[in-house]
């Protein structure tokens, strides 16, 4: 696998409520589009929903995409993948997904997305993932995340320095700026 280009792992939901679907799908598409235009390889879980839209945005704008897929009964995987790998179990899939990342971006999602965000933060804290690799949370969807982390810190379950292991941003454009600066 060519690692000359930076690989950006994007975590995102595989479904969302219809009322916000258009907004979230647009956000995901824009993220993929901007990553492709900046010359990054986009890595996702290869699934449906927002993951699919990230990959679509990248492919439709000349980008390369990698899907690290999980076998789930009835799941239809993205058709916008340049290459993909299929895993039967979550742990090895997660290990492979994280091993590809030069940086990580989280878009809105559910339990799986939060699992991945906390996994990256925990691994960065233990230095199993380099602290210098950005973990960027994009969109006001994550505004409550900061409150949760402050709560965890106030109750003594994590040091204040844990907040240096992730970045909260509002837009995909902001995320690409941070990536560019971190790779400069």
C-alpha atoms as a PDB file:
ATOM      1  CA  UNK A   1       0.000   0.000   0.000  1.00  0.00           C
ATOM      2  CA  UNK A   2       1.389   3.389  -1.026  1.00  0.00           C
ATOM      3  CA  UNK A   3       2.113   5.496   2.064  1.00  0.00           C
ATOM      4  CA  UNK A   4       3.775   8.393   0.243  1.00  0.00           C
ATOM      5  CA  UNK A   5       0.546  10.372   0.617  1.00  0.00           C
ATOM      6  CA  UNK A   6      -0.813  11.060   4.090  1.00  0.00           C
ATOM      7  CA  UNK A   7      -3.688   8.780   5.083  1.00  0.00           C
ATOM      8  CA  UNK A   8      -6.555  10.428   6.923  1.00  0.00           C
ATOM      9  CA  UNK A   9      -8.887   8.079   8.774  1.00  0.00           C
ATOM     10  CA  UNK A  10     -12.410   9.481   8.941  1.00  0.00           C
ATOM     11  CA  UNK A  11     -14.809   8.087  11.524  1.00  0.00           C
ATOM     12  CA  UNK A  12     -18.479   8.736  10.756  1.00  0.00           C
ATOM     13  CA  UNK A  13     -21.907   7.295  11.345  1.00  0.00           C
ATOM     14  CA  UNK A  14     -23.400   4.615   9.173  1.00  0.00           C
ATOM     15  CA  UNK A  15     -26.892   6.031   9.648  1.00  0.00           C
ATOM     16  CA  UNK A  16     -28.624   9.180  10.826  1.00  0.00           C
ATOM     17  CA  UNK A  17     -32.135  10.474  11.398  1.00  0.00           C
ATOM     18  CA  UNK A  18     -33.957  11.597   8.296  1.00  0.00           C
ATOM     19  CA  UNK A  19     -34.499  15.124   9.637  1.00  0.00           C
ATOM     20  CA  UNK A  20     -30.761  15.821   9.630  1.00  0.00           C
ATOM     21  CA  UNK A  21     -29.726  13.403   6.871  1.00  0.00           C
ATOM     22  CA  UNK A  22     -29.263  16.029   4.157  1.00  0.00           C
ATOM     23  CA  UNK A  23     -27.092  18.202   6.414  1.00  0.00           C
ATOM     24  CA  UNK A  24     -24.911  15.354   7.699  1.00  0.00           C
ATOM     25  CA  UNK A  25     -24.541  13.739   4.273  1.00  0.00           C
ATOM     26  CA  UNK A  26     -23.489  17.112   2.860  1.00  0.00           C
ATOM     27  CA  UNK A  27     -20.961  17.562   5.662  1.00  0.00           C
ATOM     28  CA  UNK A  28     -19.505  14.102   5.018  1.00  0.00           C
ATOM     29  CA  UNK A  29     -19.342  14.628   1.247  1.00  0.00           C
ATOM     30  CA  UNK A  30     -17.571  17.969   1.751  1.00  0.00           C
ATOM     31  CA  UNK A  31     -15.032  16.362   4.079  1.00  0.00           C
ATOM     32  CA  UNK A  32     -14.161  13.710   1.491  1.00  0.00           C
ATOM     33  CA  UNK A  33     -14.036  16.280  -1.293  1.00  0.00           C
ATOM     34  CA  UNK A  34     -11.652  18.554   0.605  1.00  0.00           C
ATOM     35  CA  UNK A  35      -9.390  15.677   1.628  1.00  0.00           C
ATOM     36  CA  UNK A  36      -9.121  14.579  -2.007  1.00  0.00           C
ATOM     37  CA  UNK A  37      -8.460  18.108  -3.227  1.00  0.00           C
ATOM     38  CA  UNK A  38      -5.696  18.456  -0.628  1.00  0.00           C
ATOM     39  CA  UNK A  39      -4.069  15.250  -1.906  1.00  0.00           C
ATOM     40  CA  UNK A  40      -4.780  12.987   1.062  1.00  0.00           C
ATOM     41  CA  UNK A  41      -5.812   9.338   0.941  1.00  0.00           C
ATOM     42  CA  UNK A  42      -9.184   8.975   2.659  1.00  0.00           C
ATOM     43  CA  UNK A  43      -9.649   5.934   4.871  1.00  0.00           C
ATOM     44  CA  UNK A  44     -13.060   4.997   6.284  1.00  0.00           C
ATOM     45  CA  UNK A  45     -14.837   2.008   7.722  1.00  0.00           C
ATOM     46  CA  UNK A  46     -16.147   1.454   4.211  1.00  0.00           C
ATOM     47  CA  UNK A  47     -19.747   1.290   5.308  1.00  0.00           C
ATOM     48  CA  UNK A  48     -22.961   3.048   4.356  1.00  0.00           C
ATOM     49  CA  UNK A  49     -24.289   6.410   5.529  1.00  0.00           C
ATOM     50  CA  UNK A  50     -21.816   9.154   6.272  1.00  0.00           C
ATOM     51  CA  UNK A  51     -18.846   6.840   5.647  1.00  0.00           C
ATOM     52  CA  UNK A  52     -20.166   6.284   2.127  1.00  0.00           C
ATOM     53  CA  UNK A  53     -20.585  10.007   1.555  1.00  0.00           C
ATOM     54  CA  UNK A  54     -17.022  10.749   2.704  1.00  0.00           C
ATOM     55  CA  UNK A  55     -15.726   8.161   0.227  1.00  0.00           C
ATOM     56  CA  UNK A  56     -18.032   9.462  -2.509  1.00  0.00           C
ATOM     57  CA  UNK A  57     -16.819  13.026  -1.970  1.00  0.00           C
ATOM     58  CA  UNK A  58     -13.227  11.877  -2.231  1.00  0.00           C
ATOM     59  CA  UNK A  59     -13.647   9.656  -5.312  1.00  0.00           C
ATOM     60  CA  UNK A  60     -15.770  12.168  -7.210  1.00  0.00           C
ATOM     61  CA  UNK A  61     -13.011  14.721  -6.693  1.00  0.00           C
ATOM     62  CA  UNK A  62     -10.117  12.579  -7.870  1.00  0.00           C
ATOM     63  CA  UNK A  63      -9.162  11.078  -4.518  1.00  0.00           C
ATOM     64  CA  UNK A  64      -8.066   7.660  -3.400  1.00  0.00           C
ATOM     65  CA  UNK A  65     -10.146   5.849  -0.791  1.00  0.00           C
ATOM     66  CA  UNK A  66      -9.547   2.818   1.370  1.00  0.00           C
ATOM     67  CA  UNK A  67     -12.358   1.008   3.143  1.00  0.00           C
ATOM     68  CA  UNK A  68     -11.550  -1.113   6.190  1.00  0.00           C
ATOM     69  CA  UNK A  69     -14.877  -2.887   6.316  1.00  0.00           C
ATOM     70  CA  UNK A  70     -16.547  -4.909   9.041  1.00  0.00           C
ATOM     71  CA  UNK A  71     -18.715  -7.840   8.089  1.00  0.00           C
ATOM     72  CA  UNK A  72     -22.173  -7.069   9.470  1.00  0.00           C
ATOM     73  CA  UNK A  73     -25.216  -9.084   8.427  1.00  0.00           C
ATOM     74  CA  UNK A  74     -27.215  -7.131   5.865  1.00  0.00           C
ATOM     75  CA  UNK A  75     -24.762  -4.218   5.604  1.00  0.00           C
ATOM     76  CA  UNK A  76     -24.248  -2.716   2.196  1.00  0.00           C
ATOM     77  CA  UNK A  77     -20.755  -1.299   1.944  1.00  0.00           C
ATOM     78  CA  UNK A  78     -19.700   1.802   0.050  1.00  0.00           C
ATOM     79  CA  UNK A  79     -19.212   1.495  -3.680  1.00  0.00           C
ATOM     80  CA  UNK A  80     -16.825   4.483  -3.635  1.00  0.00           C
ATOM     81  CA  UNK A  81     -13.735   2.610  -2.473  1.00  0.00           C
ATOM     82  CA  UNK A  82     -10.498   2.433  -4.438  1.00  0.00           C
ATOM     83  CA  UNK A  83      -9.412  -0.534  -2.332  1.00  0.00           C
ATOM     84  CA  UNK A  84     -10.922  -2.350   0.606  1.00  0.00           C
ATOM     85  CA  UNK A  85     -10.308  -5.026   3.190  1.00  0.00           C
ATOM     86  CA  UNK A  86     -13.042  -7.005   4.958  1.00  0.00           C
ATOM     87  CA  UNK A  87     -12.804  -8.142   8.579  1.00  0.00           C
ATOM     88  CA  UNK A  88     -15.068 -10.552  10.434  1.00  0.00           C
ATOM     89  CA  UNK A  89     -14.286  -9.175  13.903  1.00  0.00           C
ATOM     90  CA  UNK A  90     -14.146  -5.656  15.301  1.00  0.00           C
ATOM     91  CA  UNK A  91     -10.810  -5.768  17.178  1.00  0.00           C
ATOM     92  CA  UNK A  92      -8.591  -6.692  14.214  1.00  0.00           C
ATOM     93  CA  UNK A  93     -10.554  -4.324  11.994  1.00  0.00           C
ATOM     94  CA  UNK A  94      -9.967  -1.458  14.427  1.00  0.00           C
ATOM     95  CA  UNK A  95      -6.282  -2.286  14.701  1.00  0.00           C
ATOM     96  CA  UNK A  96      -5.922  -2.180  10.910  1.00  0.00           C
ATOM     97  CA  UNK A  97      -7.986   0.997  10.562  1.00  0.00           C
ATOM     98  CA  UNK A  98      -5.929   2.852  13.161  1.00  0.00           C
ATOM     99  CA  UNK A  99      -2.626   1.547  11.791  1.00  0.00           C
ATOM    100  CA  UNK A 100      -3.269   3.374   8.518  1.00  0.00           C
ATOM    101  CA  UNK A 101      -3.844   6.805  10.040  1.00  0.00           C
ATOM    102  CA  UNK A 102      -1.475   9.720   9.813  1.00  0.00           C
ATOM    103  CA  UNK A 103      -4.356  11.726  11.289  1.00  0.00           C
ATOM    104  CA  UNK A 104      -7.919  11.076  12.403  1.00  0.00           C
ATOM    105  CA  UNK A 105     -11.139  12.985  11.831  1.00  0.00           C
ATOM    106  CA  UNK A 106     -14.482  12.297  13.456  1.00  0.00           C
ATOM    107  CA  UNK A 107     -17.742  13.392  11.901  1.00  0.00           C
ATOM    108  CA  UNK A 108     -21.095  12.951  13.624  1.00  0.00           C
ATOM    109  CA  UNK A 109     -22.002   9.387  14.408  1.00  0.00           C
ATOM    110  CA  UNK A 110     -23.220   6.989  17.039  1.00  0.00           C
ATOM    111  CA  UNK A 111     -21.706   4.505  19.443  1.00  0.00           C
ATOM    112  CA  UNK A 112     -19.176   3.193  16.916  1.00  0.00           C
ATOM    113  CA  UNK A 113     -17.897   6.673  16.123  1.00  0.00           C
ATOM    114  CA  UNK A 114     -17.508   7.558  19.796  1.00  0.00           C
ATOM    115  CA  UNK A 115     -15.796   4.210  20.406  1.00  0.00           C
ATOM    116  CA  UNK A 116     -13.261   5.116  17.714  1.00  0.00           C
ATOM    117  CA  UNK A 117     -12.712   8.648  19.040  1.00  0.00           C
ATOM    118  CA  UNK A 118     -12.132   7.413  22.588  1.00  0.00           C
ATOM    119  CA  UNK A 119      -9.927   4.609  21.296  1.00  0.00           C
ATOM    120  CA  UNK A 120      -7.638   7.088  19.515  1.00  0.00           C
ATOM    121  CA  UNK A 121      -7.498   9.384  22.561  1.00  0.00           C
ATOM    122  CA  UNK A 122      -6.738   6.450  24.881  1.00  0.00           C
ATOM    123  CA  UNK A 123      -4.032   5.112  22.562  1.00  0.00           C
ATOM    124  CA  UNK A 124      -2.501   8.580  22.177  1.00  0.00           C
ATOM    125  CA  UNK A 125      -2.498   8.936  25.960  1.00  0.00           C
ATOM    126  CA  UNK A 126      -0.622   5.646  26.268  1.00  0.00           C
ATOM    127  CA  UNK A 127       1.667   6.624  23.352  1.00  0.00           C
ATOM    128  CA  UNK A 128       0.528   3.681  21.216  1.00  0.00           C
ATOM    129  CA  UNK A 129      -0.457   6.340  18.672  1.00  0.00           C
ATOM    130  CA  UNK A 130       1.870   9.312  18.325  1.00  0.00           C
ATOM    131  CA  UNK A 131       0.519  12.385  20.106  1.00  0.00           C
ATOM    132  CA  UNK A 132       1.464  14.456  17.044  1.00  0.00           C
ATOM    133  CA  UNK A 133      -1.164  12.670  14.916  1.00  0.00           C
ATOM    134  CA  UNK A 134      -4.210  14.942  15.022  1.00  0.00           C
ATOM    135  CA  UNK A 135      -7.570  13.682  16.308  1.00  0.00           C
ATOM    136  CA  UNK A 136     -10.040  16.242  14.953  1.00  0.00           C
ATOM    137  CA  UNK A 137     -13.737  16.292  15.831  1.00  0.00           C
ATOM    138  CA  UNK A 138     -15.716  18.247  13.230  1.00  0.00           C
ATOM    139  CA  UNK A 139     -19.088  19.931  13.678  1.00  0.00           C
ATOM    140  CA  UNK A 140     -21.126  21.424  16.509  1.00  0.00           C
ATOM    141  CA  UNK A 141     -22.432  17.882  17.022  1.00  0.00           C
ATOM    142  CA  UNK A 142     -19.381  17.470  19.291  1.00  0.00           C
ATOM    143  CA  UNK A 143     -20.013  20.569  21.449  1.00  0.00           C
ATOM    144  CA  UNK A 144     -21.173  18.338  24.311  1.00  0.00           C
ATOM    145  CA  UNK A 145     -17.953  16.330  24.026  1.00  0.00           C
ATOM    146  CA  UNK A 146     -15.977  19.135  25.641  1.00  0.00           C
ATOM    147  CA  UNK A 147     -18.465  19.259  28.520  1.00  0.00           C
ATOM    148  CA  UNK A 148     -18.108  15.518  29.009  1.00  0.00           C
ATOM    149  CA  UNK A 149     -14.321  15.751  29.037  1.00  0.00           C
ATOM    150  CA  UNK A 150     -14.435  18.643  31.526  1.00  0.00           C
ATOM    151  CA  UNK A 151     -16.700  16.507  33.733  1.00  0.00           C
ATOM    152  CA  UNK A 152     -14.245  13.590  33.548  1.00  0.00           C
ATOM    153  CA  UNK A 153     -11.358  15.900  34.447  1.00  0.00           C
ATOM    154  CA  UNK A 154     -13.250  17.603  37.308  1.00  0.00           C
ATOM    155  CA  UNK A 155     -13.973  14.224  38.868  1.00  0.00           C
ATOM    156  CA  UNK A 156     -10.323  13.202  38.647  1.00  0.00           C
ATOM    157  CA  UNK A 157     -10.643  10.470  36.040  1.00  0.00           C
ATOM    158  CA  UNK A 158      -8.262  12.141  33.582  1.00  0.00           C
ATOM    159  CA  UNK A 159      -5.686  14.934  33.770  1.00  0.00           C
ATOM    160  CA  UNK A 160      -6.375  18.282  32.071  1.00  0.00           C
ATOM    161  CA  UNK A 161      -3.632  17.425  29.571  1.00  0.00           C
ATOM    162  CA  UNK A 162      -5.998  14.938  27.937  1.00  0.00           C
ATOM    163  CA  UNK A 163      -7.604  17.890  26.151  1.00  0.00           C
ATOM    164  CA  UNK A 164      -4.392  18.288  24.137  1.00  0.00           C
ATOM    165  CA  UNK A 165      -5.057  14.931  22.475  1.00  0.00           C
ATOM    166  CA  UNK A 166      -7.983  16.134  20.362  1.00  0.00           C
ATOM    167  CA  UNK A 167      -9.155  19.252  18.544  1.00  0.00           C
ATOM    168  CA  UNK A 168     -12.744  20.468  18.239  1.00  0.00           C
ATOM    169  CA  UNK A 169     -13.536  22.315  14.994  1.00  0.00           C
ATOM    170  CA  UNK A 170     -16.690  23.513  13.278  1.00  0.00           C
ATOM    171  CA  UNK A 171     -16.077  22.835   9.578  1.00  0.00           C
ATOM    172  CA  UNK A 172     -14.314  20.463   7.177  1.00  0.00           C
ATOM    173  CA  UNK A 173     -12.389  23.484   5.863  1.00  0.00           C
ATOM    174  CA  UNK A 174     -10.989  24.108   9.353  1.00  0.00           C
ATOM    175  CA  UNK A 175      -9.991  20.440   9.609  1.00  0.00           C
ATOM    176  CA  UNK A 176      -8.041  20.515   6.341  1.00  0.00           C
ATOM    177  CA  UNK A 177      -6.236  23.697   7.491  1.00  0.00           C
ATOM    178  CA  UNK A 178      -5.175  21.932  10.700  1.00  0.00           C
ATOM    179  CA  UNK A 179      -3.993  18.913   8.713  1.00  0.00           C
ATOM    180  CA  UNK A 180      -1.963  21.088   6.368  1.00  0.00           C
ATOM    181  CA  UNK A 181      -0.346  22.870   9.309  1.00  0.00           C
ATOM    182  CA  UNK A 182       0.426  19.653  11.157  1.00  0.00           C
ATOM    183  CA  UNK A 183       2.086  18.073   8.117  1.00  0.00           C
ATOM    184  CA  UNK A 184       4.086  21.193   7.166  1.00  0.00           C
END
